[in-house]
Amino acid sequence: MPTIVPDPSGCWGAPFPNKKGLASLLVVAVALVDTDNRVLIAQRPDGKSMAGLWEFPGGKVNSGELPESALVRELKEELNIDITESCLAPLTFASHVYEDFHLLMPLYACRIWQGELKPMEGQVVKWVRPVRLGDYPMPAADIPLVAMLRDFL
């Protein structure tokens, strides 16, 4: 995984490539925060793209679906928990160009949910202190979100 360091202006991240004609993919993610101020991350299972990397729970937004509704659906499917849209606080977003597509990913924070968290798709999950999030290899789009989340929490 490449190391991302600040450029001379002090900004973090890799140069934003100018790739016209790439399809954009809208994906939504959440930083679930427990009572100890830890954040839940999930490891992408074998067989999926970017397997082994850690990410914030969430998933693709279907055509005609609102991002908040998609997150409610994805968390039920992936973690067997129920959240209400009103408990989702918009925090930041990622815009990242991968080789074959452009990813736009809003990140929400959520501290309230119902049900006992249970990984439903075979993924490994961990509760991590915000200052330790950088210790886990993540997809390139998630990396800038870690600093924002650390500052927020």
N, C-alpha and C. Protein backbone atom coordinates (compact mmCIF):
# COMPACT_ATOMS: atom_id res chain seq x y z
N MET A 1 0.85 -1.17 0.00
CA MET A 1 0.00 0.00 0.00
C MET A 1 0.90 1.23 0.00
N PRO A 2 0.62 2.21 -0.89
CA PRO A 2 1.48 3.39 -0.95
C PRO A 2 1.30 4.26 0.29
N THR A 3 2.37 4.91 0.66
CA THR A 3 2.31 5.85 1.77
C THR A 3 1.83 7.19 1.23
N ILE A 4 0.88 7.79 1.93
CA ILE A 4 0.37 9.08 1.52
C ILE A 4 0.92 10.11 2.49
N VAL A 5 1.61 11.10 1.94
CA VAL A 5 2.23 12.13 2.76
C VAL A 5 1.74 13.49 2.28
N PRO A 6 1.85 14.50 3.14
CA PRO A 6 1.41 15.82 2.70
C PRO A 6 2.29 16.35 1.58
N ASP A 7 1.66 17.04 0.62
CA ASP A 7 2.44 17.68 -0.42
C ASP A 7 2.99 19.00 0.14
N PRO A 8 3.76 19.75 -0.64
CA PRO A 8 4.36 20.99 -0.10
C PRO A 8 3.34 21.99 0.44
N SER A 9 2.10 21.95 -0.05
CA SER A 9 1.09 22.89 0.44
C SER A 9 0.51 22.45 1.78
N GLY A 10 0.82 21.22 2.19
CA GLY A 10 0.29 20.69 3.45
C GLY A 10 -0.95 19.84 3.25
N CYS A 11 -1.39 19.66 1.99
CA CYS A 11 -2.58 18.85 1.72
C CYS A 11 -2.20 17.38 1.65
N TRP A 12 -3.14 16.53 2.08
CA TRP A 12 -2.91 15.09 2.09
C TRP A 12 -3.53 14.47 0.86
N GLY A 13 -2.93 13.40 0.39
CA GLY A 13 -3.55 12.62 -0.68
C GLY A 13 -2.72 12.62 -1.94
N ALA A 14 -3.12 11.72 -2.81
CA ALA A 14 -2.46 11.58 -4.10
C ALA A 14 -3.04 12.59 -5.07
N PRO A 15 -2.32 12.89 -6.15
CA PRO A 15 -2.87 13.80 -7.15
C PRO A 15 -4.18 13.24 -7.71
N PHE A 16 -5.11 14.13 -8.02
CA PHE A 16 -6.40 13.70 -8.55
C PHE A 16 -6.27 13.59 -10.06
N PRO A 17 -6.31 12.36 -10.59
CA PRO A 17 -6.12 12.19 -12.03
C PRO A 17 -7.32 12.71 -12.81
N ASN A 18 -7.07 13.21 -14.00
CA ASN A 18 -8.13 13.69 -14.87
C ASN A 18 -8.48 12.58 -15.86
N LYS A 19 -9.46 11.77 -15.49
CA LYS A 19 -9.88 10.65 -16.34
C LYS A 19 -11.32 10.88 -16.75
N LYS A 20 -11.51 11.38 -17.94
CA LYS A 20 -12.86 11.63 -18.42
C LYS A 20 -13.50 10.33 -18.87
N GLY A 21 -14.81 10.27 -18.73
CA GLY A 21 -15.55 9.11 -19.23
C GLY A 21 -15.66 7.97 -18.24
N LEU A 22 -15.08 8.09 -17.05
CA LEU A 22 -15.21 7.03 -16.06
C LEU A 22 -16.60 7.07 -15.45
N ALA A 23 -17.18 5.92 -15.24
CA ALA A 23 -18.47 5.84 -14.57
C ALA A 23 -18.29 6.19 -13.09
N SER A 24 -19.25 6.93 -12.55
CA SER A 24 -19.22 7.25 -11.12
C SER A 24 -20.08 6.26 -10.36
N LEU A 25 -19.59 5.85 -9.22
CA LEU A 25 -20.29 4.91 -8.35
C LEU A 25 -20.54 5.60 -7.03
N LEU A 26 -21.82 5.62 -6.61
CA LEU A 26 -22.18 6.21 -5.33
C LEU A 26 -22.27 5.09 -4.29
N VAL A 27 -21.43 5.19 -3.29
CA VAL A 27 -21.38 4.24 -2.19
C VAL A 27 -21.51 5.04 -0.91
N VAL A 28 -22.16 4.48 0.09
CA VAL A 28 -22.36 5.18 1.35
C VAL A 28 -21.72 4.39 2.48
N ALA A 29 -21.18 5.09 3.48
CA ALA A 29 -20.51 4.41 4.60
C ALA A 29 -20.87 5.10 5.90
N VAL A 30 -20.63 4.38 7.00
CA VAL A 30 -20.94 4.93 8.31
C VAL A 30 -19.81 4.62 9.29
N ALA A 31 -19.56 5.58 10.16
CA ALA A 31 -18.69 5.36 11.31
C ALA A 31 -19.63 5.11 12.48
N LEU A 32 -19.81 3.83 12.81
CA LEU A 32 -20.59 3.48 14.00
C LEU A 32 -19.69 3.73 15.20
N VAL A 33 -20.16 4.51 16.16
CA VAL A 33 -19.35 4.89 17.31
C VAL A 33 -20.03 4.35 18.56
N ASP A 34 -19.30 3.54 19.34
CA ASP A 34 -19.89 2.95 20.55
C ASP A 34 -19.73 3.89 21.75
N THR A 35 -20.20 3.44 22.90
CA THR A 35 -20.18 4.29 24.10
C THR A 35 -18.76 4.57 24.60
N ASP A 36 -17.78 3.76 24.17
CA ASP A 36 -16.38 4.00 24.53
C ASP A 36 -15.65 4.83 23.48
N ASN A 37 -16.42 5.41 22.54
CA ASN A 37 -15.88 6.24 21.46
C ASN A 37 -15.00 5.47 20.48
N ARG A 38 -15.24 4.17 20.37
CA ARG A 38 -14.54 3.36 19.38
C ARG A 38 -15.38 3.30 18.11
N VAL A 39 -14.71 3.06 16.98
CA VAL A 39 -15.36 3.02 15.67
C VAL A 39 -15.29 1.59 15.14
N LEU A 40 -16.39 1.16 14.53
CA LEU A 40 -16.44 -0.18 13.96
C LEU A 40 -15.87 -0.17 12.55
N ILE A 41 -14.96 -1.10 12.27
CA ILE A 41 -14.48 -1.32 10.91
C ILE A 41 -14.67 -2.80 10.58
N ALA A 42 -14.80 -3.06 9.29
CA ALA A 42 -15.02 -4.43 8.83
C ALA A 42 -13.97 -4.78 7.79
N GLN A 43 -13.53 -6.03 7.82
CA GLN A 43 -12.54 -6.49 6.85
C GLN A 43 -13.27 -7.11 5.66
N ARG A 44 -12.88 -6.67 4.46
CA ARG A 44 -13.51 -7.20 3.25
C ARG A 44 -13.15 -8.68 3.11
N PRO A 45 -14.16 -9.53 2.94
CA PRO A 45 -13.91 -10.98 2.90
C PRO A 45 -13.26 -11.43 1.59
N ASP A 46 -12.68 -12.62 1.63
CA ASP A 46 -12.11 -13.23 0.43
C ASP A 46 -13.17 -13.32 -0.65
N GLY A 47 -12.75 -13.15 -1.89
CA GLY A 47 -13.67 -13.24 -3.00
C GLY A 47 -14.23 -11.91 -3.44
N LYS A 48 -14.11 -10.87 -2.61
CA LYS A 48 -14.56 -9.54 -2.99
C LYS A 48 -13.35 -8.72 -3.43
N SER A 49 -13.62 -7.68 -4.23
CA SER A 49 -12.51 -6.81 -4.60
C SER A 49 -11.94 -6.18 -3.33
N MET A 50 -10.66 -5.95 -3.33
CA MET A 50 -9.94 -5.37 -2.20
C MET A 50 -10.07 -6.23 -0.94
N ALA A 51 -10.16 -7.54 -1.12
CA ALA A 51 -10.27 -8.48 0.01
C ALA A 51 -9.12 -8.26 0.99
N GLY A 52 -9.45 -8.35 2.27
CA GLY A 52 -8.44 -8.20 3.32
C GLY A 52 -8.29 -6.78 3.83
N LEU A 53 -8.75 -5.79 3.06
CA LEU A 53 -8.65 -4.41 3.52
C LEU A 53 -9.80 -4.11 4.49
N TRP A 54 -9.58 -3.15 5.35
CA TRP A 54 -10.57 -2.75 6.35
C TRP A 54 -11.32 -1.53 5.85
N GLU A 55 -12.60 -1.45 6.17
CA GLU A 55 -13.43 -0.35 5.70
C GLU A 55 -14.52 -0.04 6.70
N PHE A 56 -15.17 1.09 6.48
CA PHE A 56 -16.34 1.45 7.27
C PHE A 56 -17.54 0.72 6.66
N PRO A 57 -18.47 0.22 7.48
CA PRO A 57 -19.63 -0.49 6.94
C PRO A 57 -20.45 0.39 6.01
N GLY A 58 -21.09 -0.24 5.05
CA GLY A 58 -21.94 0.47 4.11
C GLY A 58 -22.02 -0.29 2.81
N GLY A 59 -22.33 0.40 1.74
CA GLY A 59 -22.42 -0.27 0.45
C GLY A 59 -22.98 0.63 -0.63
N LYS A 60 -23.29 0.01 -1.75
CA LYS A 60 -23.76 0.73 -2.93
C LYS A 60 -25.15 1.31 -2.71
N VAL A 61 -25.35 2.46 -3.32
CA VAL A 61 -26.67 3.10 -3.33
C VAL A 61 -27.34 2.67 -4.63
N ASN A 62 -28.50 2.04 -4.52
CA ASN A 62 -29.24 1.59 -5.69
C ASN A 62 -29.87 2.77 -6.42
N SER A 63 -30.15 2.59 -7.70
CA SER A 63 -30.80 3.61 -8.50
C SER A 63 -32.12 4.03 -7.85
N GLY A 64 -32.31 5.34 -7.69
CA GLY A 64 -33.52 5.86 -7.09
C GLY A 64 -33.55 5.82 -5.57
N GLU A 65 -32.49 5.34 -4.95
CA GLU A 65 -32.43 5.20 -3.50
C GLU A 65 -31.66 6.39 -2.90
N LEU A 66 -32.11 6.89 -1.79
CA LEU A 66 -31.38 7.94 -1.09
C LEU A 66 -30.21 7.33 -0.32
N PRO A 67 -29.10 8.06 -0.18
CA PRO A 67 -27.96 7.50 0.56
C PRO A 67 -28.31 7.03 1.97
N GLU A 68 -29.12 7.80 2.68
CA GLU A 68 -29.47 7.42 4.04
C GLU A 68 -30.29 6.13 4.06
N SER A 69 -31.21 5.99 3.12
CA SER A 69 -32.01 4.76 3.02
C SER A 69 -31.13 3.57 2.68
N ALA A 70 -30.16 3.79 1.80
CA ALA A 70 -29.24 2.72 1.44
C ALA A 70 -28.44 2.27 2.66
N LEU A 71 -28.03 3.21 3.48
CA LEU A 71 -27.25 2.87 4.67
C LEU A 71 -28.09 2.09 5.67
N VAL A 72 -29.34 2.47 5.86
CA VAL A 72 -30.24 1.72 6.74
C VAL A 72 -30.36 0.28 6.23
N ARG A 73 -30.56 0.13 4.93
CA ARG A 73 -30.69 -1.21 4.32
C ARG A 73 -29.40 -2.01 4.47
N GLU A 74 -28.28 -1.39 4.12
CA GLU A 74 -26.98 -2.09 4.16
C GLU A 74 -26.62 -2.55 5.57
N LEU A 75 -26.88 -1.72 6.57
CA LEU A 75 -26.54 -2.10 7.94
C LEU A 75 -27.40 -3.26 8.44
N LYS A 76 -28.65 -3.31 7.99
CA LYS A 76 -29.51 -4.45 8.34
C LYS A 76 -28.97 -5.72 7.67
N GLU A 77 -28.62 -5.62 6.38
CA GLU A 77 -28.13 -6.78 5.64
C GLU A 77 -26.76 -7.25 6.13
N GLU A 78 -25.85 -6.32 6.41
CA GLU A 78 -24.47 -6.66 6.76
C GLU A 78 -24.26 -6.97 8.23
N LEU A 79 -24.94 -6.21 9.11
CA LEU A 79 -24.64 -6.29 10.54
C LEU A 79 -25.84 -6.63 11.41
N ASN A 80 -27.00 -6.80 10.79
CA ASN A 80 -28.23 -7.16 11.49
C ASN A 80 -28.62 -6.13 12.56
N ILE A 81 -28.36 -4.85 12.28
CA ILE A 81 -28.78 -3.80 13.20
C ILE A 81 -29.76 -2.87 12.50
N ASP A 82 -30.58 -2.23 13.28
CA ASP A 82 -31.55 -1.27 12.77
C ASP A 82 -31.16 0.13 13.20
N ILE A 83 -31.14 1.03 12.23
CA ILE A 83 -30.91 2.44 12.54
C ILE A 83 -32.01 3.24 11.87
N THR A 84 -32.21 4.44 12.36
CA THR A 84 -33.15 5.33 11.70
C THR A 84 -32.35 6.42 11.00
N GLU A 85 -32.89 6.90 9.91
CA GLU A 85 -32.18 7.92 9.14
C GLU A 85 -31.87 9.15 9.97
N SER A 86 -32.73 9.46 10.93
CA SER A 86 -32.51 10.66 11.75
C SER A 86 -31.30 10.52 12.68
N CYS A 87 -30.80 9.30 12.87
CA CYS A 87 -29.62 9.08 13.72
C CYS A 87 -28.31 9.16 12.93
N LEU A 88 -28.41 9.39 11.63
CA LEU A 88 -27.22 9.50 10.78
C LEU A 88 -26.81 10.96 10.65
N ALA A 89 -25.62 11.27 11.11
CA ALA A 89 -25.10 12.63 11.01
C ALA A 89 -24.08 12.69 9.87
N PRO A 90 -24.35 13.48 8.82
CA PRO A 90 -23.36 13.59 7.73
C PRO A 90 -22.05 14.15 8.28
N LEU A 91 -20.95 13.50 7.94
CA LEU A 91 -19.66 13.91 8.49
C LEU A 91 -18.73 14.48 7.43
N THR A 92 -18.49 13.70 6.37
CA THR A 92 -17.59 14.11 5.30
C THR A 92 -17.85 13.20 4.10
N PHE A 93 -17.02 13.29 3.09
CA PHE A 93 -17.17 12.39 1.95
C PHE A 93 -15.81 12.15 1.31
N ALA A 94 -15.75 11.08 0.53
CA ALA A 94 -14.55 10.76 -0.24
C ALA A 94 -14.91 10.82 -1.72
N SER A 95 -13.99 11.35 -2.50
CA SER A 95 -14.09 11.33 -3.95
C SER A 95 -12.76 10.78 -4.44
N HIS A 96 -12.80 9.59 -5.02
CA HIS A 96 -11.55 8.91 -5.39
C HIS A 96 -11.68 8.26 -6.76
N VAL A 97 -10.64 8.39 -7.57
CA VAL A 97 -10.62 7.76 -8.88
C VAL A 97 -9.81 6.48 -8.79
N TYR A 98 -10.51 5.36 -8.97
CA TYR A 98 -9.84 4.07 -9.10
C TYR A 98 -9.55 3.86 -10.59
N GLU A 99 -8.92 2.77 -10.93
CA GLU A 99 -8.54 2.52 -12.32
C GLU A 99 -9.75 2.52 -13.26
N ASP A 100 -10.85 1.91 -12.83
CA ASP A 100 -11.99 1.70 -13.73
C ASP A 100 -13.22 2.53 -13.41
N PHE A 101 -13.23 3.26 -12.31
CA PHE A 101 -14.42 4.02 -11.94
C PHE A 101 -14.07 5.14 -10.96
N HIS A 102 -14.99 6.06 -10.84
CA HIS A 102 -14.88 7.13 -9.87
C HIS A 102 -15.82 6.81 -8.71
N LEU A 103 -15.32 6.87 -7.50
CA LEU A 103 -16.11 6.56 -6.31
C LEU A 103 -16.44 7.86 -5.57
N LEU A 104 -17.72 8.04 -5.27
CA LEU A 104 -18.17 9.13 -4.42
C LEU A 104 -18.81 8.47 -3.20
N MET A 105 -18.27 8.76 -2.00
CA MET A 105 -18.72 8.06 -0.80
C MET A 105 -18.96 9.02 0.35
N PRO A 106 -20.24 9.35 0.63
CA PRO A 106 -20.53 10.10 1.85
C PRO A 106 -20.27 9.22 3.08
N LEU A 107 -19.72 9.82 4.12
CA LEU A 107 -19.50 9.13 5.39
C LEU A 107 -20.36 9.79 6.45
N TYR A 108 -21.17 8.99 7.11
CA TYR A 108 -22.03 9.46 8.20
C TYR A 108 -21.46 8.93 9.52
N ALA A 109 -21.81 9.58 10.60
CA ALA A 109 -21.52 9.08 11.94
C ALA A 109 -22.84 8.67 12.58
N CYS A 110 -22.79 7.60 13.36
CA CYS A 110 -24.01 7.11 14.03
C CYS A 110 -23.62 6.54 15.38
N ARG A 111 -24.32 6.96 16.42
CA ARG A 111 -24.06 6.49 17.78
C ARG A 111 -25.22 5.68 18.35
N ILE A 112 -26.33 5.62 17.62
CA ILE A 112 -27.53 4.95 18.15
C ILE A 112 -28.04 3.95 17.12
N TRP A 113 -28.22 2.71 17.56
CA TRP A 113 -28.81 1.66 16.74
C TRP A 113 -29.51 0.67 17.64
N GLN A 114 -30.32 -0.16 17.03
CA GLN A 114 -31.06 -1.19 17.76
C GLN A 114 -30.58 -2.56 17.31
N GLY A 115 -30.55 -3.50 18.23
CA GLY A 115 -30.16 -4.87 17.91
C GLY A 115 -28.73 -5.15 18.28
N GLU A 116 -28.43 -6.43 18.33
CA GLU A 116 -27.07 -6.86 18.64
C GLU A 116 -26.30 -7.02 17.34
N LEU A 117 -25.20 -6.33 17.25
CA LEU A 117 -24.39 -6.33 16.04
C LEU A 117 -23.89 -7.75 15.75
N LYS A 118 -24.18 -8.23 14.54
CA LYS A 118 -23.76 -9.57 14.14
C LYS A 118 -23.36 -9.54 12.66
N PRO A 119 -22.08 -9.82 12.35
CA PRO A 119 -21.66 -9.85 10.95
C PRO A 119 -22.43 -10.93 10.18
N MET A 120 -23.13 -10.54 9.13
CA MET A 120 -24.01 -11.46 8.40
C MET A 120 -23.40 -11.99 7.11
N GLU A 121 -22.25 -11.43 6.69
CA GLU A 121 -21.65 -11.82 5.41
C GLU A 121 -20.26 -12.44 5.59
N GLY A 122 -19.99 -12.94 6.78
CA GLY A 122 -18.71 -13.59 7.03
C GLY A 122 -17.55 -12.64 7.24
N GLN A 123 -17.82 -11.35 7.34
CA GLN A 123 -16.74 -10.39 7.52
C GLN A 123 -16.28 -10.35 8.98
N VAL A 124 -15.02 -10.04 9.16
CA VAL A 124 -14.46 -9.82 10.49
C VAL A 124 -14.69 -8.35 10.83
N VAL A 125 -15.13 -8.07 12.05
CA VAL A 125 -15.33 -6.68 12.48
C VAL A 125 -14.51 -6.42 13.74
N LYS A 126 -14.14 -5.16 13.91
CA LYS A 126 -13.37 -4.75 15.10
C LYS A 126 -13.81 -3.36 15.53
N TRP A 127 -13.85 -3.15 16.84
CA TRP A 127 -14.03 -1.82 17.40
C TRP A 127 -12.64 -1.25 17.64
N VAL A 128 -12.38 -0.07 17.07
CA VAL A 128 -11.04 0.51 17.07
C VAL A 128 -11.09 1.95 17.57
N ARG A 129 -10.14 2.31 18.39
CA ARG A 129 -10.02 3.71 18.81
C ARG A 129 -9.65 4.55 17.58
N PRO A 130 -10.20 5.75 17.47
CA PRO A 130 -9.93 6.58 16.29
C PRO A 130 -8.43 6.79 16.01
N VAL A 131 -7.61 6.92 17.04
CA VAL A 131 -6.17 7.13 16.83
C VAL A 131 -5.48 5.89 16.27
N ARG A 132 -6.13 4.72 16.32
CA ARG A 132 -5.55 3.47 15.82
C ARG A 132 -6.07 3.09 14.43
N LEU A 133 -7.02 3.85 13.88
CA LEU A 133 -7.59 3.50 12.58
C LEU A 133 -6.52 3.43 11.48
N GLY A 134 -5.51 4.26 11.58
CA GLY A 134 -4.43 4.27 10.59
C GLY A 134 -3.58 3.01 10.61
N ASP A 135 -3.73 2.17 11.63
CA ASP A 135 -2.96 0.93 11.73
C ASP A 135 -3.52 -0.17 10.83
N TYR A 136 -4.70 0.05 10.27
CA TYR A 136 -5.37 -0.97 9.47
C TYR A 136 -5.34 -0.59 8.00
N PRO A 137 -4.88 -1.51 7.14
CA PRO A 137 -4.86 -1.19 5.70
C PRO A 137 -6.28 -1.02 5.18
N MET A 138 -6.51 0.08 4.46
CA MET A 138 -7.84 0.42 3.96
C MET A 138 -7.77 0.73 2.48
N PRO A 139 -8.91 0.65 1.79
CA PRO A 139 -8.94 1.10 0.39
C PRO A 139 -8.53 2.57 0.31
N ALA A 140 -7.96 2.95 -0.80
CA ALA A 140 -7.44 4.31 -0.96
C ALA A 140 -8.49 5.38 -0.68
N ALA A 141 -9.73 5.15 -1.03
CA ALA A 141 -10.78 6.15 -0.82
C ALA A 141 -11.05 6.38 0.66
N ASP A 142 -10.82 5.38 1.50
CA ASP A 142 -11.12 5.49 2.93
C ASP A 142 -10.04 6.24 3.71
N ILE A 143 -8.83 6.24 3.21
CA ILE A 143 -7.69 6.78 3.97
C ILE A 143 -7.89 8.23 4.39
N PRO A 144 -8.31 9.13 3.50
CA PRO A 144 -8.51 10.52 3.95
C PRO A 144 -9.64 10.66 4.97
N LEU A 145 -10.57 9.74 4.98
CA LEU A 145 -11.69 9.80 5.94
C LEU A 145 -11.21 9.57 7.37
N VAL A 146 -10.13 8.81 7.52
CA VAL A 146 -9.62 8.48 8.86
C VAL A 146 -9.20 9.75 9.60
N ALA A 147 -8.48 10.64 8.93
CA ALA A 147 -8.05 11.89 9.58
C ALA A 147 -9.25 12.74 9.98
N MET A 148 -10.24 12.82 9.11
CA MET A 148 -11.44 13.60 9.42
C MET A 148 -12.15 13.02 10.63
N LEU A 149 -12.23 11.71 10.67
CA LEU A 149 -12.92 11.03 11.77
C LEU A 149 -12.17 11.21 13.08
N ARG A 150 -10.84 11.10 13.04
CA ARG A 150 -10.03 11.33 14.24
C ARG A 150 -10.26 12.74 14.78
N ASP A 151 -10.31 13.72 13.90
CA ASP A 151 -10.53 15.11 14.33
C ASP A 151 -11.92 15.30 14.91
N PHE A 152 -12.90 14.63 14.34
CA PHE A 152 -14.29 14.74 14.79
C PHE A 152 -14.48 14.13 16.17
N LEU A 153 -13.85 12.97 16.39
CA LEU A 153 -14.05 12.26 17.65
C LEU A 153 -13.03 12.70 18.68
